[in-house]
Amino acid sequence: MVGGGPAGRAAAAACSDTGLRVTLVDPAPRRVWPHTYGTWRDELPASVPSTALASVQQRMLVHGTDPHEWRRPYAVLDNTALWKHFWRADVVEVTGRAMAAEHGPTGSTVVLKDGRRIAAAVVVDATGPAKALSGGRPAHTSAQQTAVGWVVNAAAAEPFCGPDTGVFMDWRPAPQTRGGWPTFLYAVHLGPDRVLLEETSLARRPALPLALLRRRLAGRLAAAGLDEAERIDEERVRFPVDDQLPRPGRVIPFGAAAGFVHPATGFSVATSLRRAPWLAAAISAGLPSGPAVAARASWSILWPPNAVAAHVLRHRALRALLSLPPDLVPVFFEAFFRLDEPHRREFLAAEASPAGTAAAMSALFRGSPWKIRRRLVLGGLSVGHPPARHGLGGG
C-alpha cells in the first residue's frame, strides 16, 4: 500500500482484516491528515463509527440566485479518530517515498527514493492526485478545485451558519469582487467551538490562485464584521477534479489516484471508505491465481461498466460548466438547487447509476433558462441516454 491518506489507510485496514499481510509506505505514516473532509452522512459506510465524526450539520444552506435549505445531514470527519479507527497493529509502516514499481510473474517490487526495495504480491497506489506509481500527472493542464478557509470561533461564524447548520454553496459574490470566475462560500462546523469558512473555486482551468481566494474571503468576512484577529487557523486546498480513469495494469490505483474525485463536489473520501472492502475482497480472491489476476479483478470491481458510464456523464457536465461565462455559473447552480431531491442526490452520490445521472442531467437541462441550455449544448452536455460504449476516458 503506497500512500497513508484516508484512502490508503482504509484500504490497508480492509486488506489486513481480510487476512492479507500489508506494508504501508508513506513519507510520514504517523501524521494525522491536515485537511478537512466532509460528506453527506448517509453516504458513509456503517462501519465508520459516530466517534469518528467531528460534527454533523442537520441542514445545509445553498444559494444560487435565491436561498434554499437542504434537510440532509452533512458530516465532517474527525481525522484523528478516523486515523485511529483504521490503524492496525499488523500493518507494517515504512517511512519513505515510492518512486517506481517493477513487476514480475510472481509479484512486484516497490522502489523508494532512497534506493530501498520492498517486495509485494500486489501494489496499491493511494497517493492521491500525484499518482506516484500510476503514471503521474498528465501533461495537460487540469481543471482544479482551489480554496482558502479560515477557522474561526463558532460565535464569530454565526452570521453565516448557526448551530447544526452549514453552508454547502453560497454563490453570492464576495464584496468588491470585480468580475472574473465566480467563487462560493462553504462553511462547516469542525466541532462544538470551531467553524471553517472557506472561499472555494469549484473547478477552473487554469486554477484560480489562492491569493485571489484569500482576498475574496477576507472581503466577505469583513463585510460580516470578522477581521484577521478572528482567524484561528487557515486551510488551503488545491486538487484536480477532471482526471481520467486509470487503465488496468499491475499497479492498482485507489482513492483519488483511481479517479474517485466527484467533479461536481470534489468529494472522494466517502467513496474510498465504501470501496475499501471491495478492493480487499478482490485482491484476496484473485491472488491464488496470481498477482496479475488480482490486479485485473480489483480494477473490475472498483470500476464496473455502470460506474464508468456515470463517471463519463459527470465529466461531460463538468466540461459544460467550464464552458459557461462567469455570470451564468450562479444561474446554473440555481437550476440545480431547484431540482427534486432524488435528482440532486443521484447526481451528487458517491455511487451513482448512469441512468440516474442521465435523468438528473436531463432534468437540469429542462429546468434551466434558455441562455443556459444553449451554452450547455455548445459545451457538450449530453442529456440523452448514457453512452452505449464504456470507454476509459472521462476527463
Protein backbone atom coordinates (compact mmCIF):
# COMPACT_ATOMS: atom_id res chain seq x y z
CA MET A 1 0.00 0.00 0.00
CA VAL A 2 1.59 3.26 -1.12
CA GLY A 3 0.04 6.35 0.48
CA GLY A 4 -1.22 6.85 4.03
CA GLY A 5 -4.14 9.23 3.49
CA PRO A 6 -7.73 8.27 4.29
CA ALA A 7 -7.99 6.10 1.16
CA GLY A 8 -4.71 4.30 1.81
CA ARG A 9 -5.42 3.74 5.49
CA ALA A 10 -8.93 2.46 4.78
CA ALA A 11 -7.61 0.07 2.12
CA ALA A 12 -4.76 -1.12 4.36
CA ALA A 13 -7.20 -1.81 7.20
CA ALA A 14 -9.61 -3.67 4.94
CA CYS A 15 -6.82 -5.81 3.48
CA SER A 16 -5.47 -6.55 6.95
CA ASP A 17 -8.94 -7.51 8.16
CA THR A 18 -9.20 -9.92 5.20
CA GLY A 19 -6.06 -11.68 6.38
CA LEU A 20 -3.57 -10.19 3.92
CA ARG A 21 -0.13 -9.09 5.07
CA VAL A 22 0.13 -5.36 4.42
CA THR A 23 3.04 -2.93 4.21
CA LEU A 24 2.14 0.76 4.06
CA VAL A 25 4.65 3.20 2.56
CA ASP A 26 4.29 6.93 3.19
CA PRO A 27 6.67 9.87 3.77
CA ALA A 28 5.05 10.39 7.20
CA PRO A 29 2.89 7.35 8.05
CA ARG A 30 2.06 8.54 11.59
CA ARG A 31 0.97 12.04 10.53
CA VAL A 32 -2.72 12.75 11.03
CA TRP A 33 -4.28 14.22 7.89
CA PRO A 34 -4.31 18.04 7.87
CA HIS A 35 -7.29 18.71 5.59
CA THR A 36 -10.98 18.91 6.36
CA TYR A 37 -13.10 16.08 4.92
CA GLY A 38 -16.87 16.39 4.72
CA THR A 39 -19.57 14.27 3.13
CA TRP A 40 -23.27 13.50 3.35
CA ARG A 41 -23.81 11.46 6.49
CA ASP A 42 -25.85 8.80 4.70
CA GLU A 43 -23.01 8.10 2.25
CA LEU A 44 -20.54 6.99 4.91
CA PRO A 45 -20.37 3.22 5.38
CA ALA A 46 -21.95 1.88 8.55
CA SER A 47 -18.51 0.72 9.69
CA VAL A 48 -17.45 4.33 10.35
CA PRO A 49 -18.37 4.95 14.00
CA SER A 50 -20.07 8.13 15.18
CA THR A 51 -16.98 8.81 17.29
CA ALA A 52 -15.08 9.40 14.04
CA LEU A 53 -17.29 12.39 13.19
CA ALA A 54 -16.24 15.85 14.32
CA SER A 55 -19.71 17.25 13.65
CA VAL A 56 -23.00 16.58 11.89
CA GLN A 57 -24.92 19.51 10.44
CA GLN A 58 -28.62 18.69 10.26
CA ARG A 59 -29.27 21.14 7.46
CA MET A 60 -27.16 22.73 4.75
CA LEU A 61 -27.87 26.12 3.20
CA VAL A 62 -27.36 26.77 -0.50
CA HIS A 63 -27.70 29.94 -2.57
CA GLY A 64 -27.52 30.24 -6.34
CA THR A 65 -29.52 33.35 -7.14
CA ASP A 66 -32.01 32.59 -4.31
CA PRO A 67 -31.69 30.95 -0.87
CA HIS A 68 -32.56 27.28 -0.27
CA GLU A 69 -32.27 24.84 2.59
CA TRP A 70 -31.43 21.14 2.35
CA ARG A 71 -32.56 18.95 5.24
CA ARG A 72 -29.91 16.31 4.69
CA PRO A 73 -27.35 15.65 7.46
CA TYR A 74 -23.79 16.53 6.47
CA ALA A 75 -20.83 15.12 8.40
CA VAL A 76 -17.30 16.41 8.95
CA LEU A 77 -14.81 13.70 9.80
CA ASP A 78 -12.65 13.74 12.91
CA ASN A 79 -9.31 12.96 11.30
CA THR A 80 -7.57 11.79 14.47
CA ALA A 81 -10.40 9.44 15.42
CA LEU A 82 -10.72 8.11 11.85
CA TRP A 83 -6.96 7.51 11.66
CA LYS A 84 -7.13 5.52 14.88
CA HIS A 85 -10.14 3.61 13.59
CA PHE A 86 -8.16 2.44 10.55
CA TRP A 87 -4.88 1.80 12.34
CA ARG A 88 -3.92 -1.88 12.50
CA ALA A 89 -1.07 -3.25 14.60
CA ASP A 90 -0.15 -5.82 11.97
CA VAL A 91 0.23 -3.30 9.14
CA VAL A 92 3.97 -2.69 8.67
CA GLU A 93 4.67 1.03 8.28
CA VAL A 94 7.63 2.17 6.16
CA THR A 95 8.69 5.81 6.13
CA GLY A 96 9.73 6.68 2.59
CA ARG A 97 8.68 7.95 -0.81
CA ALA A 98 7.83 5.40 -3.51
CA MET A 99 9.22 6.28 -6.94
CA ALA A 100 8.59 3.23 -9.13
CA ALA A 101 7.25 -0.30 -9.24
CA GLU A 102 8.82 -3.24 -11.06
CA HIS A 103 6.72 -6.28 -11.93
CA GLY A 104 7.39 -9.96 -12.50
CA PRO A 105 5.25 -13.06 -12.90
CA THR A 106 5.12 -13.78 -9.17
CA GLY A 107 4.95 -10.28 -7.70
CA SER A 108 6.20 -6.71 -7.73
CA THR A 109 8.92 -4.58 -6.17
CA VAL A 110 8.36 -1.01 -4.98
CA VAL A 111 11.46 1.17 -5.33
CA LEU A 112 11.82 4.00 -2.82
CA LYS A 113 13.59 7.31 -3.41
CA ASP A 114 16.45 6.35 -1.12
CA GLY A 115 17.05 3.10 -3.03
CA ARG A 116 15.29 0.70 -0.71
CA ARG A 117 13.25 -2.02 -2.40
CA ILE A 118 10.11 -3.63 -0.98
CA ALA A 119 8.74 -6.88 -2.39
CA ALA A 120 4.97 -7.36 -2.61
CA ALA A 121 2.46 -9.61 -4.30
CA VAL A 122 0.39 -6.63 -5.46
CA VAL A 123 0.89 -2.85 -5.25
CA VAL A 124 -1.89 -0.37 -4.47
CA ASP A 125 -1.30 3.29 -5.36
CA ALA A 126 -3.20 5.52 -2.92
CA THR A 127 -1.00 8.59 -3.40
CA GLY A 128 -3.89 10.86 -4.40
CA PRO A 129 -3.62 13.19 -7.40
CA ALA A 130 0.16 12.63 -7.55
CA LYS A 131 -0.45 9.08 -8.83
CA ALA A 132 3.13 8.25 -7.92
CA LEU A 133 3.01 4.70 -9.32
CA SER A 134 0.10 5.13 -11.76
CA GLY A 135 1.63 7.30 -14.45
CA GLY A 136 1.93 10.60 -12.58
CA ARG A 137 0.18 13.81 -13.51
CA PRO A 138 -0.99 14.22 -17.14
CA ALA A 139 0.85 16.65 -19.38
CA HIS A 140 -2.22 18.86 -19.96
CA THR A 141 -3.44 21.49 -17.51
CA SER A 142 -6.06 20.01 -15.21
CA ALA A 143 -9.23 21.67 -14.02
CA GLN A 144 -8.64 22.19 -10.32
CA GLN A 145 -10.63 22.98 -7.24
CA THR A 146 -8.91 25.57 -5.07
CA ALA A 147 -9.98 27.05 -1.75
CA VAL A 148 -8.76 29.14 1.16
CA GLY A 149 -10.51 28.91 4.51
CA TRP A 150 -10.34 30.49 7.92
CA VAL A 151 -11.06 28.51 11.07
CA VAL A 152 -12.88 30.81 13.49
CA ASN A 153 -14.78 30.58 16.76
CA ALA A 154 -18.34 29.32 16.32
CA ALA A 155 -19.77 32.52 17.78
CA ALA A 156 -17.92 34.63 15.21
CA ALA A 157 -19.29 32.44 12.39
CA GLU A 158 -22.96 32.89 13.34
CA PRO A 159 -23.62 35.46 10.56
CA PHE A 160 -23.04 32.57 8.13
CA CYS A 161 -24.17 29.43 9.95
CA GLY A 162 -25.73 28.78 13.31
CA PRO A 163 -25.69 25.58 15.40
CA ASP A 164 -26.47 22.39 13.45
CA THR A 165 -26.29 24.38 10.20
CA GLY A 166 -23.66 24.55 7.45
CA VAL A 167 -23.33 26.20 4.06
CA PHE A 168 -22.85 23.85 1.12
CA MET A 169 -22.55 26.54 -1.58
CA ASP A 170 -23.33 30.25 -1.43
CA TRP A 171 -22.65 31.73 -4.87
CA ARG A 172 -23.37 35.35 -3.90
CA PRO A 173 -20.21 37.28 -4.83
CA ALA A 174 -17.86 38.46 -2.15
CA PRO A 175 -17.94 42.25 -1.67
CA GLN A 176 -15.77 44.25 -4.07
CA THR A 177 -15.43 41.28 -6.44
CA ARG A 178 -14.77 42.75 -9.87
CA GLY A 179 -15.71 40.16 -12.45
CA GLY A 180 -13.69 37.04 -13.02
CA TRP A 181 -14.62 33.44 -12.36
CA PRO A 182 -17.19 33.15 -9.55
CA THR A 183 -16.44 31.51 -6.22
CA PHE A 184 -18.69 30.41 -3.38
CA LEU A 185 -18.66 30.25 0.40
CA TYR A 186 -18.53 26.84 2.08
CA ALA A 187 -18.98 26.67 5.85
CA VAL A 188 -18.97 23.68 8.22
CA HIS A 189 -18.60 23.08 11.94
CA LEU A 190 -15.35 21.36 12.89
CA GLY A 191 -16.64 20.63 16.38
CA PRO A 192 -18.67 22.43 19.05
CA ASP A 193 -16.47 25.54 19.13
CA ARG A 194 -14.88 25.97 15.68
CA VAL A 195 -16.17 26.65 12.16
CA LEU A 196 -14.40 26.55 8.80
CA LEU A 197 -15.37 29.41 6.46
CA GLU A 198 -13.92 28.71 3.02
CA GLU A 199 -13.88 30.63 -0.26
CA THR A 200 -13.96 27.98 -2.95
CA SER A 201 -13.45 27.77 -6.69
CA LEU A 202 -15.31 24.61 -7.64
CA ALA A 203 -13.37 23.97 -10.85
CA ARG A 204 -11.31 26.13 -13.16
CA ARG A 205 -8.67 25.57 -15.82
CA PRO A 206 -6.19 27.04 -15.01
CA ALA A 207 -6.94 27.06 -11.30
CA LEU A 208 -7.84 30.29 -9.52
CA PRO A 209 -4.87 31.48 -7.44
CA LEU A 210 -5.03 31.02 -3.68
CA ALA A 211 -4.10 34.69 -3.21
CA LEU A 212 -7.25 35.75 -5.07
CA LEU A 213 -9.39 33.43 -2.96
CA ARG A 214 -7.77 34.76 0.21
CA ARG A 215 -8.65 38.34 -0.77
CA ARG A 216 -12.24 37.42 -1.60
CA LEU A 217 -12.63 35.53 1.68
CA ALA A 218 -11.22 38.42 3.70
CA GLY A 219 -13.63 40.82 1.98
CA ARG A 220 -16.61 38.52 2.52
CA LEU A 221 -15.84 38.06 6.20
CA ALA A 222 -15.02 41.73 6.77
CA ALA A 223 -18.46 42.67 5.45
CA ALA A 224 -19.90 40.49 8.24
CA GLY A 225 -17.68 42.09 10.88
CA LEU A 226 -14.89 39.49 11.02
CA ASP A 227 -11.26 40.56 10.70
CA GLU A 228 -7.99 38.64 10.75
CA ALA A 229 -7.91 38.70 14.54
CA GLU A 230 -10.73 36.14 14.48
CA ARG A 231 -8.68 33.65 12.44
CA ILE A 232 -7.51 30.66 14.48
CA ASP A 233 -6.03 28.77 11.54
CA GLU A 234 -6.01 28.79 7.73
CA GLU A 235 -6.68 25.92 5.36
CA ARG A 236 -5.54 25.82 1.72
CA VAL A 237 -6.91 23.41 -0.87
CA ARG A 238 -5.80 22.54 -4.40
CA PHE A 239 -6.53 19.34 -6.32
CA PRO A 240 -7.64 18.25 -9.83
CA VAL A 241 -11.26 17.31 -10.49
CA ASP A 242 -11.10 16.10 -14.10
CA ASP A 243 -8.61 13.23 -14.05
CA GLN A 244 -9.29 10.39 -16.44
CA LEU A 245 -9.89 6.91 -15.16
CA PRO A 246 -6.73 4.81 -14.87
CA ARG A 247 -6.13 1.98 -17.28
CA PRO A 248 -5.90 -1.55 -15.89
CA GLY A 249 -2.35 -2.59 -15.02
CA ARG A 250 -0.28 -4.32 -12.39
CA VAL A 251 -0.47 -1.31 -10.04
CA ILE A 252 -3.95 -0.92 -8.54
CA PRO A 253 -4.88 2.77 -8.15
CA PHE A 254 -7.23 3.59 -5.28
CA GLY A 255 -8.89 6.73 -3.95
CA ALA A 256 -8.16 9.99 -5.77
CA ALA A 257 -5.41 8.18 -7.71
CA ALA A 258 -8.15 5.97 -9.17
CA GLY A 259 -10.40 8.81 -10.29
CA PHE A 260 -12.78 8.70 -7.30
CA VAL A 261 -12.97 12.53 -7.09
CA HIS A 262 -16.50 13.72 -7.84
CA PRO A 263 -16.21 16.53 -10.42
CA ALA A 264 -19.22 18.43 -9.03
CA THR A 265 -18.13 18.47 -5.37
CA GLY A 266 -14.52 17.34 -5.11
CA PHE A 267 -15.61 14.59 -2.67
CA SER A 268 -13.75 11.29 -2.75
CA VAL A 269 -13.28 10.10 0.84
CA ALA A 270 -16.72 8.52 1.29
CA THR A 271 -16.26 6.63 -1.98
CA SER A 272 -12.86 5.38 -0.81
CA LEU A 273 -14.22 4.24 2.55
CA ARG A 274 -17.12 2.41 0.86
CA ARG A 275 -14.93 0.69 -1.73
CA ALA A 276 -12.01 -0.33 0.50
CA PRO A 277 -13.63 -3.67 1.45
CA TRP A 278 -14.34 -4.30 -2.27
CA LEU A 279 -10.64 -3.84 -3.01
CA ALA A 280 -9.57 -6.16 -0.21
CA ALA A 281 -12.02 -8.84 -1.33
CA ALA A 282 -10.88 -8.65 -4.96
CA ILE A 283 -7.19 -8.92 -4.04
CA SER A 284 -7.81 -11.78 -1.64
CA ALA A 285 -9.91 -13.71 -4.15
CA GLY A 286 -7.57 -13.08 -7.08
CA LEU A 287 -4.18 -13.75 -5.51
CA PRO A 288 -4.39 -17.56 -5.60
CA SER A 289 -4.48 -17.24 -9.41
CA GLY A 290 -1.56 -14.82 -9.48
CA PRO A 291 -0.86 -11.11 -8.94
CA ALA A 292 -1.91 -10.09 -12.45
CA VAL A 293 -5.32 -11.72 -11.94
CA ALA A 294 -5.70 -9.95 -8.57
CA ALA A 295 -4.91 -6.58 -10.18
CA ARG A 296 -7.43 -7.12 -13.01
CA ALA A 297 -10.10 -8.26 -10.55
CA SER A 298 -9.51 -5.18 -8.40
CA TRP A 299 -9.90 -2.78 -11.30
CA SER A 300 -13.06 -4.55 -12.46
CA ILE A 301 -14.73 -4.40 -9.07
CA LEU A 302 -13.74 -0.75 -8.45
CA TRP A 303 -14.83 0.40 -11.92
CA PRO A 304 -17.67 -1.77 -13.25
CA PRO A 305 -19.29 -0.59 -16.52
CA ASN A 306 -22.11 1.30 -14.77
CA ALA A 307 -19.66 3.28 -12.66
CA VAL A 308 -17.56 4.11 -15.73
CA ALA A 309 -20.63 5.34 -17.60
CA ALA A 310 -21.73 7.57 -14.68
CA HIS A 311 -18.17 8.93 -14.45
CA VAL A 312 -18.20 9.85 -18.14
CA LEU A 313 -21.54 11.65 -17.82
CA ARG A 314 -20.42 13.65 -14.81
CA HIS A 315 -17.31 14.78 -16.61
CA ARG A 316 -19.39 15.91 -19.56
CA ALA A 317 -21.33 18.07 -17.11
CA LEU A 318 -18.06 19.47 -15.78
CA ARG A 319 -16.90 20.40 -19.28
CA ALA A 320 -20.22 22.13 -19.90
CA LEU A 321 -19.88 24.05 -16.62
CA LEU A 322 -16.37 25.20 -17.54
CA SER A 323 -17.73 26.50 -20.86
CA LEU A 324 -20.21 28.87 -19.18
CA PRO A 325 -19.48 32.59 -18.95
CA PRO A 326 -18.86 33.63 -15.32
CA ASP A 327 -22.17 35.45 -14.85
CA LEU A 328 -24.18 32.32 -15.72
CA VAL A 329 -22.49 29.98 -13.21
CA PRO A 330 -24.72 31.01 -10.25
CA VAL A 331 -27.75 30.74 -12.56
CA PHE A 332 -26.68 27.20 -13.48
CA PHE A 333 -26.43 26.20 -9.83
CA GLU A 334 -29.75 27.85 -9.04
CA ALA A 335 -31.32 25.48 -11.58
CA PHE A 336 -29.53 22.57 -9.90
CA PHE A 337 -30.61 23.61 -6.40
CA ARG A 338 -34.25 23.68 -7.62
CA LEU A 339 -34.16 20.05 -8.81
CA ASP A 340 -36.21 17.47 -6.96
CA GLU A 341 -34.26 15.90 -4.13
CA PRO A 342 -33.92 12.47 -5.83
CA HIS A 343 -32.19 14.12 -8.81
CA ARG A 344 -29.87 16.13 -6.56
CA ARG A 345 -28.98 13.07 -4.53
CA GLU A 346 -28.35 10.97 -7.63
CA PHE A 347 -26.03 13.45 -9.29
CA LEU A 348 -24.07 14.14 -6.07
CA ALA A 349 -23.98 10.48 -4.98
CA ALA A 350 -20.74 8.69 -4.21
CA GLU A 351 -22.14 5.63 -6.01
CA ALA A 352 -24.47 6.62 -8.87
CA SER A 353 -26.10 4.80 -11.75
CA PRO A 354 -25.67 6.08 -15.32
CA ALA A 355 -29.44 6.08 -15.80
CA GLY A 356 -29.98 8.13 -12.64
CA THR A 357 -27.17 10.51 -13.53
CA ALA A 358 -28.54 10.98 -17.05
CA ALA A 359 -32.04 11.58 -15.65
CA ALA A 360 -30.70 14.23 -13.27
CA MET A 361 -28.79 15.94 -16.09
CA SER A 362 -31.88 15.89 -18.31
CA ALA A 363 -33.97 17.42 -15.52
CA LEU A 364 -31.32 20.09 -15.01
CA PHE A 365 -31.35 20.90 -18.73
CA ARG A 366 -35.15 21.15 -18.82
CA GLY A 367 -35.24 23.35 -15.72
CA SER A 368 -32.55 25.76 -16.95
CA PRO A 369 -33.32 29.04 -18.72
CA TRP A 370 -32.70 29.09 -22.47
CA LYS A 371 -29.47 31.09 -22.13
CA ILE A 372 -28.09 28.24 -20.02
CA ARG A 373 -29.46 25.50 -22.28
CA ARG A 374 -27.74 26.95 -25.33
CA ARG A 375 -24.43 27.14 -23.52
CA LEU A 376 -24.77 23.60 -22.19
CA VAL A 377 -25.36 22.22 -25.67
CA LEU A 378 -22.39 24.15 -27.04
CA GLY A 379 -20.33 22.92 -24.09
CA GLY A 380 -21.06 19.29 -24.93
CA LEU A 381 -23.55 18.39 -22.21
CA SER A 382 -25.38 15.20 -23.21
CA VAL A 383 -28.93 14.99 -21.94
CA GLY A 384 -29.85 11.76 -23.67
CA HIS A 385 -29.18 8.19 -22.73
CA PRO A 386 -25.94 7.02 -21.10
CA PRO A 387 -23.11 6.21 -23.52
CA ALA A 388 -23.50 2.80 -25.07
CA ARG A 389 -19.77 2.16 -25.05
CA HIS A 390 -17.99 2.42 -21.73
CA GLY A 391 -14.57 3.81 -22.55
CA LEU A 392 -11.77 4.51 -20.12
CA GLY A 393 -11.75 8.25 -20.64
CA GLY A 394 -13.75 10.81 -18.79
CA GLY A 395 -11.62 13.88 -18.24
